[in-house]
Amino acid sequence: MTDLIVVSQAAQWQRLKRLVLDSVSSPITRRVYNLGLDEFFAWFGEAPQPGFTKATVCAWRVALEARALGAVSINVRITAVRKLAVEASDNGLLAPELAAGITRVKGLLGSVFRSGSG
């Protein structure tokens, strides 16, 4: 099962997104996750994707990098999608092994960390 079933069903997408948003307590985090998930969902629907997989989420990260977003902006969007994968798996909408792969997608290190020697 590589397709995120919820993609073709807007009501289920909203339900799954709500599960992700309800899993965080900070209103600020909830707001940025909401925006990030909406962006991901729009991007996912724009171009043919092979399914909701680690490769797809890595392609999303590359698309974010191409927009010249900062590391923190990219990382929060990737984290929201990781949580989406976990909720999709927990609710039977995504195979657990696919969710596990998605949760291993790396974020970006900030320039402060890249310039350090150790």
N, C-alpha and C. Protein backbone atom coordinates (compact mmCIF):
# COMPACT_ATOMS: atom_id res chain seq x y z
N MET A 1 0.85 -1.16 0.00
CA MET A 1 0.00 0.00 0.00
C MET A 1 0.90 1.22 0.00
N THR A 2 1.07 1.87 -1.16
CA THR A 2 1.91 3.05 -1.23
C THR A 2 1.11 4.33 -1.38
N ASP A 3 -0.15 4.23 -1.72
CA ASP A 3 -0.96 5.43 -1.89
C ASP A 3 -1.55 5.85 -0.55
N LEU A 4 -1.56 7.13 -0.34
CA LEU A 4 -2.23 7.67 0.83
C LEU A 4 -3.69 7.76 0.44
N ILE A 5 -4.48 6.85 0.94
CA ILE A 5 -5.88 6.73 0.56
C ILE A 5 -6.60 8.06 0.72
N VAL A 6 -6.22 8.80 1.71
CA VAL A 6 -6.89 10.03 2.05
C VAL A 6 -6.77 11.09 0.94
N VAL A 7 -5.80 10.97 0.04
CA VAL A 7 -5.60 11.96 -1.01
C VAL A 7 -6.85 12.16 -1.85
N SER A 8 -7.54 11.08 -2.19
CA SER A 8 -8.71 11.20 -3.04
C SER A 8 -9.99 11.48 -2.26
N GLN A 9 -9.90 11.56 -0.98
CA GLN A 9 -11.09 11.76 -0.16
C GLN A 9 -10.86 12.92 0.80
N ALA A 10 -11.37 14.09 0.38
CA ALA A 10 -11.11 15.32 1.12
C ALA A 10 -11.57 15.25 2.58
N ALA A 11 -12.70 14.62 2.84
CA ALA A 11 -13.19 14.55 4.22
C ALA A 11 -12.23 13.74 5.10
N GLN A 12 -11.71 12.63 4.56
CA GLN A 12 -10.76 11.84 5.34
C GLN A 12 -9.45 12.59 5.51
N TRP A 13 -9.02 13.34 4.48
CA TRP A 13 -7.81 14.15 4.59
C TRP A 13 -7.95 15.13 5.75
N GLN A 14 -9.09 15.79 5.82
CA GLN A 14 -9.31 16.76 6.90
C GLN A 14 -9.31 16.05 8.26
N ARG A 15 -9.87 14.87 8.31
CA ARG A 15 -9.88 14.10 9.57
C ARG A 15 -8.46 13.73 9.98
N LEU A 16 -7.68 13.26 9.02
CA LEU A 16 -6.30 12.87 9.31
C LEU A 16 -5.46 14.09 9.69
N LYS A 17 -5.65 15.18 8.98
CA LYS A 17 -4.93 16.41 9.32
C LYS A 17 -5.30 16.86 10.73
N ARG A 18 -6.56 16.73 11.10
CA ARG A 18 -7.01 17.11 12.44
C ARG A 18 -6.32 16.24 13.49
N LEU A 19 -6.14 14.94 13.21
CA LEU A 19 -5.42 14.07 14.15
C LEU A 19 -3.99 14.57 14.36
N VAL A 20 -3.34 14.99 13.28
CA VAL A 20 -1.98 15.52 13.40
C VAL A 20 -1.99 16.80 14.23
N LEU A 21 -2.90 17.71 13.91
CA LEU A 21 -2.94 18.99 14.61
C LEU A 21 -3.31 18.83 16.08
N ASP A 22 -4.18 17.86 16.37
CA ASP A 22 -4.56 17.62 17.75
C ASP A 22 -3.44 16.96 18.56
N SER A 23 -2.41 16.45 17.87
CA SER A 23 -1.32 15.77 18.58
C SER A 23 -0.28 16.75 19.12
N VAL A 24 -0.43 18.03 18.81
CA VAL A 24 0.51 19.03 19.32
C VAL A 24 -0.24 20.02 20.20
N SER A 25 0.41 20.47 21.26
CA SER A 25 -0.27 21.35 22.21
C SER A 25 -0.05 22.83 21.92
N SER A 26 1.04 23.17 21.28
CA SER A 26 1.34 24.57 21.03
C SER A 26 0.50 25.13 19.89
N PRO A 27 -0.20 26.25 20.13
CA PRO A 27 -0.99 26.87 19.06
C PRO A 27 -0.12 27.31 17.88
N ILE A 28 1.08 27.73 18.15
CA ILE A 28 1.99 28.16 17.08
C ILE A 28 2.39 26.96 16.23
N THR A 29 2.76 25.87 16.89
CA THR A 29 3.12 24.64 16.15
C THR A 29 1.93 24.15 15.35
N ARG A 30 0.76 24.18 15.94
CA ARG A 30 -0.46 23.74 15.25
C ARG A 30 -0.67 24.57 13.98
N ARG A 31 -0.46 25.87 14.09
CA ARG A 31 -0.66 26.76 12.94
C ARG A 31 0.34 26.46 11.82
N VAL A 32 1.62 26.30 12.17
CA VAL A 32 2.62 26.05 11.12
C VAL A 32 2.48 24.65 10.54
N TYR A 33 2.09 23.66 11.35
CA TYR A 33 1.82 22.33 10.82
C TYR A 33 0.64 22.38 9.85
N ASN A 34 -0.39 23.10 10.21
CA ASN A 34 -1.56 23.23 9.34
C ASN A 34 -1.15 23.79 7.98
N LEU A 35 -0.38 24.86 7.99
CA LEU A 35 0.08 25.45 6.73
C LEU A 35 0.99 24.49 5.97
N GLY A 36 1.90 23.84 6.68
CA GLY A 36 2.82 22.91 6.04
C GLY A 36 2.10 21.73 5.41
N LEU A 37 1.11 21.19 6.11
CA LEU A 37 0.35 20.06 5.57
C LEU A 37 -0.48 20.48 4.36
N ASP A 38 -1.06 21.67 4.43
CA ASP A 38 -1.80 22.17 3.26
C ASP A 38 -0.87 22.34 2.06
N GLU A 39 0.33 22.86 2.30
CA GLU A 39 1.31 23.01 1.22
C GLU A 39 1.71 21.65 0.64
N PHE A 40 1.97 20.70 1.52
CA PHE A 40 2.35 19.36 1.06
C PHE A 40 1.23 18.74 0.25
N PHE A 41 0.02 18.83 0.75
CA PHE A 41 -1.12 18.22 0.07
C PHE A 41 -1.30 18.85 -1.32
N ALA A 42 -1.16 20.17 -1.42
CA ALA A 42 -1.28 20.84 -2.72
C ALA A 42 -0.16 20.39 -3.66
N TRP A 43 1.07 20.34 -3.15
CA TRP A 43 2.21 19.89 -3.96
C TRP A 43 2.02 18.45 -4.40
N PHE A 44 1.58 17.60 -3.49
CA PHE A 44 1.37 16.19 -3.77
C PHE A 44 0.35 15.99 -4.89
N GLY A 45 -0.67 16.84 -4.90
CA GLY A 45 -1.72 16.72 -5.90
C GLY A 45 -1.39 17.36 -7.24
N GLU A 46 -0.41 18.27 -7.27
CA GLU A 46 -0.08 18.99 -8.51
C GLU A 46 0.60 18.10 -9.54
N ALA A 47 1.55 17.32 -9.12
CA ALA A 47 2.33 16.50 -10.05
C ALA A 47 2.15 15.04 -9.69
N PRO A 48 2.18 14.19 -10.69
CA PRO A 48 2.04 12.76 -10.37
C PRO A 48 3.16 12.30 -9.43
N GLN A 49 2.76 11.72 -8.33
CA GLN A 49 3.70 11.19 -7.35
C GLN A 49 3.56 9.67 -7.32
N PRO A 50 4.63 8.97 -7.00
CA PRO A 50 4.56 7.51 -6.97
C PRO A 50 3.80 6.97 -5.76
N GLY A 51 3.32 7.82 -4.91
CA GLY A 51 2.62 7.42 -3.70
C GLY A 51 3.23 8.17 -2.52
N PHE A 52 2.69 7.95 -1.35
CA PHE A 52 3.19 8.60 -0.14
C PHE A 52 4.30 7.72 0.40
N THR A 53 5.52 8.00 -0.03
CA THR A 53 6.68 7.19 0.31
C THR A 53 7.81 8.09 0.78
N LYS A 54 8.87 7.46 1.25
CA LYS A 54 10.07 8.21 1.64
C LYS A 54 10.61 9.01 0.47
N ALA A 55 10.63 8.42 -0.72
CA ALA A 55 11.13 9.11 -1.91
C ALA A 55 10.29 10.36 -2.22
N THR A 56 8.98 10.25 -2.03
CA THR A 56 8.10 11.39 -2.28
C THR A 56 8.39 12.51 -1.29
N VAL A 57 8.56 12.15 -0.03
CA VAL A 57 8.84 13.17 0.99
C VAL A 57 10.22 13.79 0.77
N CYS A 58 11.18 13.00 0.31
CA CYS A 58 12.49 13.56 -0.04
C CYS A 58 12.36 14.54 -1.21
N ALA A 59 11.51 14.22 -2.18
CA ALA A 59 11.27 15.13 -3.31
C ALA A 59 10.60 16.41 -2.82
N TRP A 60 9.72 16.30 -1.83
CA TRP A 60 9.09 17.48 -1.22
C TRP A 60 10.16 18.36 -0.56
N ARG A 61 11.10 17.72 0.14
CA ARG A 61 12.18 18.49 0.77
C ARG A 61 13.00 19.23 -0.29
N VAL A 62 13.32 18.57 -1.39
CA VAL A 62 14.06 19.21 -2.48
C VAL A 62 13.27 20.40 -3.04
N ALA A 63 11.95 20.23 -3.18
CA ALA A 63 11.11 21.32 -3.67
C ALA A 63 11.13 22.50 -2.70
N LEU A 64 11.14 22.21 -1.41
CA LEU A 64 11.22 23.27 -0.41
C LEU A 64 12.57 23.99 -0.48
N GLU A 65 13.63 23.21 -0.64
CA GLU A 65 14.97 23.79 -0.75
C GLU A 65 15.06 24.70 -1.98
N ALA A 66 14.41 24.30 -3.07
CA ALA A 66 14.43 25.09 -4.30
C ALA A 66 13.74 26.43 -4.12
N ARG A 67 12.85 26.50 -3.15
CA ARG A 67 12.17 27.77 -2.84
C ARG A 67 13.03 28.66 -1.96
N ALA A 68 14.23 28.19 -1.62
CA ALA A 68 15.19 28.94 -0.80
C ALA A 68 14.63 29.25 0.59
N LEU A 69 13.85 28.32 1.12
CA LEU A 69 13.36 28.47 2.49
C LEU A 69 14.49 28.18 3.46
N GLY A 70 14.42 28.75 4.63
CA GLY A 70 15.42 28.49 5.66
C GLY A 70 15.28 27.10 6.23
N ALA A 71 16.32 26.66 6.91
CA ALA A 71 16.34 25.31 7.48
C ALA A 71 15.19 25.08 8.45
N VAL A 72 14.89 26.05 9.29
CA VAL A 72 13.81 25.88 10.26
C VAL A 72 12.47 25.73 9.55
N SER A 73 12.24 26.54 8.53
CA SER A 73 10.98 26.45 7.78
C SER A 73 10.83 25.10 7.10
N ILE A 74 11.91 24.61 6.54
CA ILE A 74 11.88 23.30 5.89
C ILE A 74 11.68 22.21 6.93
N ASN A 75 12.41 22.28 8.02
CA ASN A 75 12.33 21.23 9.04
C ASN A 75 10.93 21.12 9.65
N VAL A 76 10.28 22.24 9.90
CA VAL A 76 8.94 22.17 10.50
C VAL A 76 7.95 21.56 9.51
N ARG A 77 8.11 21.83 8.22
CA ARG A 77 7.23 21.23 7.21
C ARG A 77 7.48 19.71 7.11
N ILE A 78 8.75 19.32 7.14
CA ILE A 78 9.08 17.89 7.08
C ILE A 78 8.56 17.18 8.34
N THR A 79 8.69 17.80 9.48
CA THR A 79 8.19 17.21 10.72
C THR A 79 6.68 17.01 10.68
N ALA A 80 5.96 17.98 10.13
CA ALA A 80 4.51 17.85 10.00
C ALA A 80 4.16 16.65 9.11
N VAL A 81 4.91 16.46 8.03
CA VAL A 81 4.65 15.34 7.13
C VAL A 81 5.02 14.02 7.79
N ARG A 82 6.08 14.02 8.59
CA ARG A 82 6.41 12.80 9.35
C ARG A 82 5.25 12.41 10.27
N LYS A 83 4.69 13.40 10.97
CA LYS A 83 3.55 13.14 11.85
C LYS A 83 2.35 12.65 11.05
N LEU A 84 2.18 13.19 9.84
CA LEU A 84 1.10 12.73 8.96
C LEU A 84 1.27 11.24 8.65
N ALA A 85 2.50 10.84 8.36
CA ALA A 85 2.77 9.43 8.06
C ALA A 85 2.43 8.55 9.25
N VAL A 86 2.81 8.98 10.44
CA VAL A 86 2.53 8.20 11.65
C VAL A 86 1.02 8.07 11.86
N GLU A 87 0.30 9.17 11.74
CA GLU A 87 -1.15 9.13 11.92
C GLU A 87 -1.82 8.28 10.84
N ALA A 88 -1.34 8.40 9.60
CA ALA A 88 -1.90 7.58 8.51
C ALA A 88 -1.69 6.10 8.79
N SER A 89 -0.51 5.76 9.27
CA SER A 89 -0.23 4.37 9.60
C SER A 89 -1.07 3.89 10.78
N ASP A 90 -1.13 4.70 11.81
CA ASP A 90 -1.89 4.34 13.00
C ASP A 90 -3.38 4.16 12.71
N ASN A 91 -3.85 4.80 11.64
CA ASN A 91 -5.27 4.72 11.29
C ASN A 91 -5.53 3.82 10.09
N GLY A 92 -4.55 2.99 9.73
CA GLY A 92 -4.74 2.00 8.69
C GLY A 92 -4.75 2.54 7.27
N LEU A 93 -4.24 3.75 7.07
CA LEU A 93 -4.25 4.36 5.75
C LEU A 93 -2.91 4.27 5.03
N LEU A 94 -1.89 3.79 5.74
CA LEU A 94 -0.56 3.69 5.17
C LEU A 94 0.15 2.51 5.83
N ALA A 95 0.84 1.73 5.03
CA ALA A 95 1.57 0.58 5.57
C ALA A 95 2.62 1.06 6.58
N PRO A 96 2.75 0.36 7.71
CA PRO A 96 3.70 0.77 8.75
C PRO A 96 5.13 0.90 8.24
N GLU A 97 5.57 0.03 7.32
CA GLU A 97 6.94 0.14 6.82
C GLU A 97 7.15 1.39 5.98
N LEU A 98 6.10 1.86 5.29
CA LEU A 98 6.21 3.11 4.54
C LEU A 98 6.28 4.29 5.50
N ALA A 99 5.45 4.25 6.53
CA ALA A 99 5.48 5.32 7.54
C ALA A 99 6.85 5.37 8.21
N ALA A 100 7.42 4.21 8.50
CA ALA A 100 8.74 4.17 9.14
C ALA A 100 9.79 4.81 8.23
N GLY A 101 9.73 4.54 6.95
CA GLY A 101 10.67 5.16 6.01
C GLY A 101 10.52 6.67 5.98
N ILE A 102 9.28 7.14 5.96
CA ILE A 102 9.02 8.58 5.92
C ILE A 102 9.54 9.25 7.19
N THR A 103 9.39 8.60 8.33
CA THR A 103 9.86 9.22 9.58
C THR A 103 11.38 9.34 9.62
N ARG A 104 12.07 8.62 8.73
CA ARG A 104 13.54 8.71 8.68
C ARG A 104 14.05 9.77 7.70
N VAL A 105 13.14 10.49 7.03
CA VAL A 105 13.58 11.56 6.14
C VAL A 105 14.26 12.64 6.98
N LYS A 106 15.46 12.98 6.59
CA LYS A 106 16.25 13.95 7.34
C LYS A 106 15.80 15.38 7.03
N GLY A 107 15.89 16.21 8.03
CA GLY A 107 15.68 17.64 7.84
C GLY A 107 17.00 18.27 7.43
N LEU A 108 17.05 19.57 7.48
CA LEU A 108 18.28 20.29 7.14
C LEU A 108 18.95 20.80 8.40
N LEU A 109 20.25 20.85 8.36
CA LEU A 109 20.99 21.48 9.44
C LEU A 109 21.08 22.97 9.14
N GLY A 110 20.92 23.78 10.15
CA GLY A 110 21.03 25.22 9.98
C GLY A 110 22.46 25.61 9.64
N SER A 111 22.63 26.78 9.08
CA SER A 111 23.98 27.24 8.68
C SER A 111 24.91 27.33 9.88
N VAL A 112 24.38 27.58 11.07
CA VAL A 112 25.21 27.65 12.28
C VAL A 112 25.87 26.29 12.50
N PHE A 113 25.12 25.23 12.30
CA PHE A 113 25.66 23.90 12.53
C PHE A 113 26.61 23.50 11.44
N ARG A 114 26.34 23.90 10.21
CA ARG A 114 27.21 23.52 9.10
C ARG A 114 28.57 24.17 9.19
N SER A 115 28.60 25.38 9.75
CA SER A 115 29.89 26.09 9.78
C SER A 115 30.77 25.65 10.94
N GLY A 116 30.18 24.94 11.92
CA GLY A 116 30.96 24.48 13.07
C GLY A 116 31.92 23.37 12.68
N SER A 117 32.95 23.19 13.46
CA SER A 117 33.95 22.16 13.15
C SER A 117 33.62 20.84 13.84
N GLY A 118 32.64 20.78 14.69
CA GLY A 118 32.37 19.52 15.34
C GLY A 118 31.12 19.54 16.00
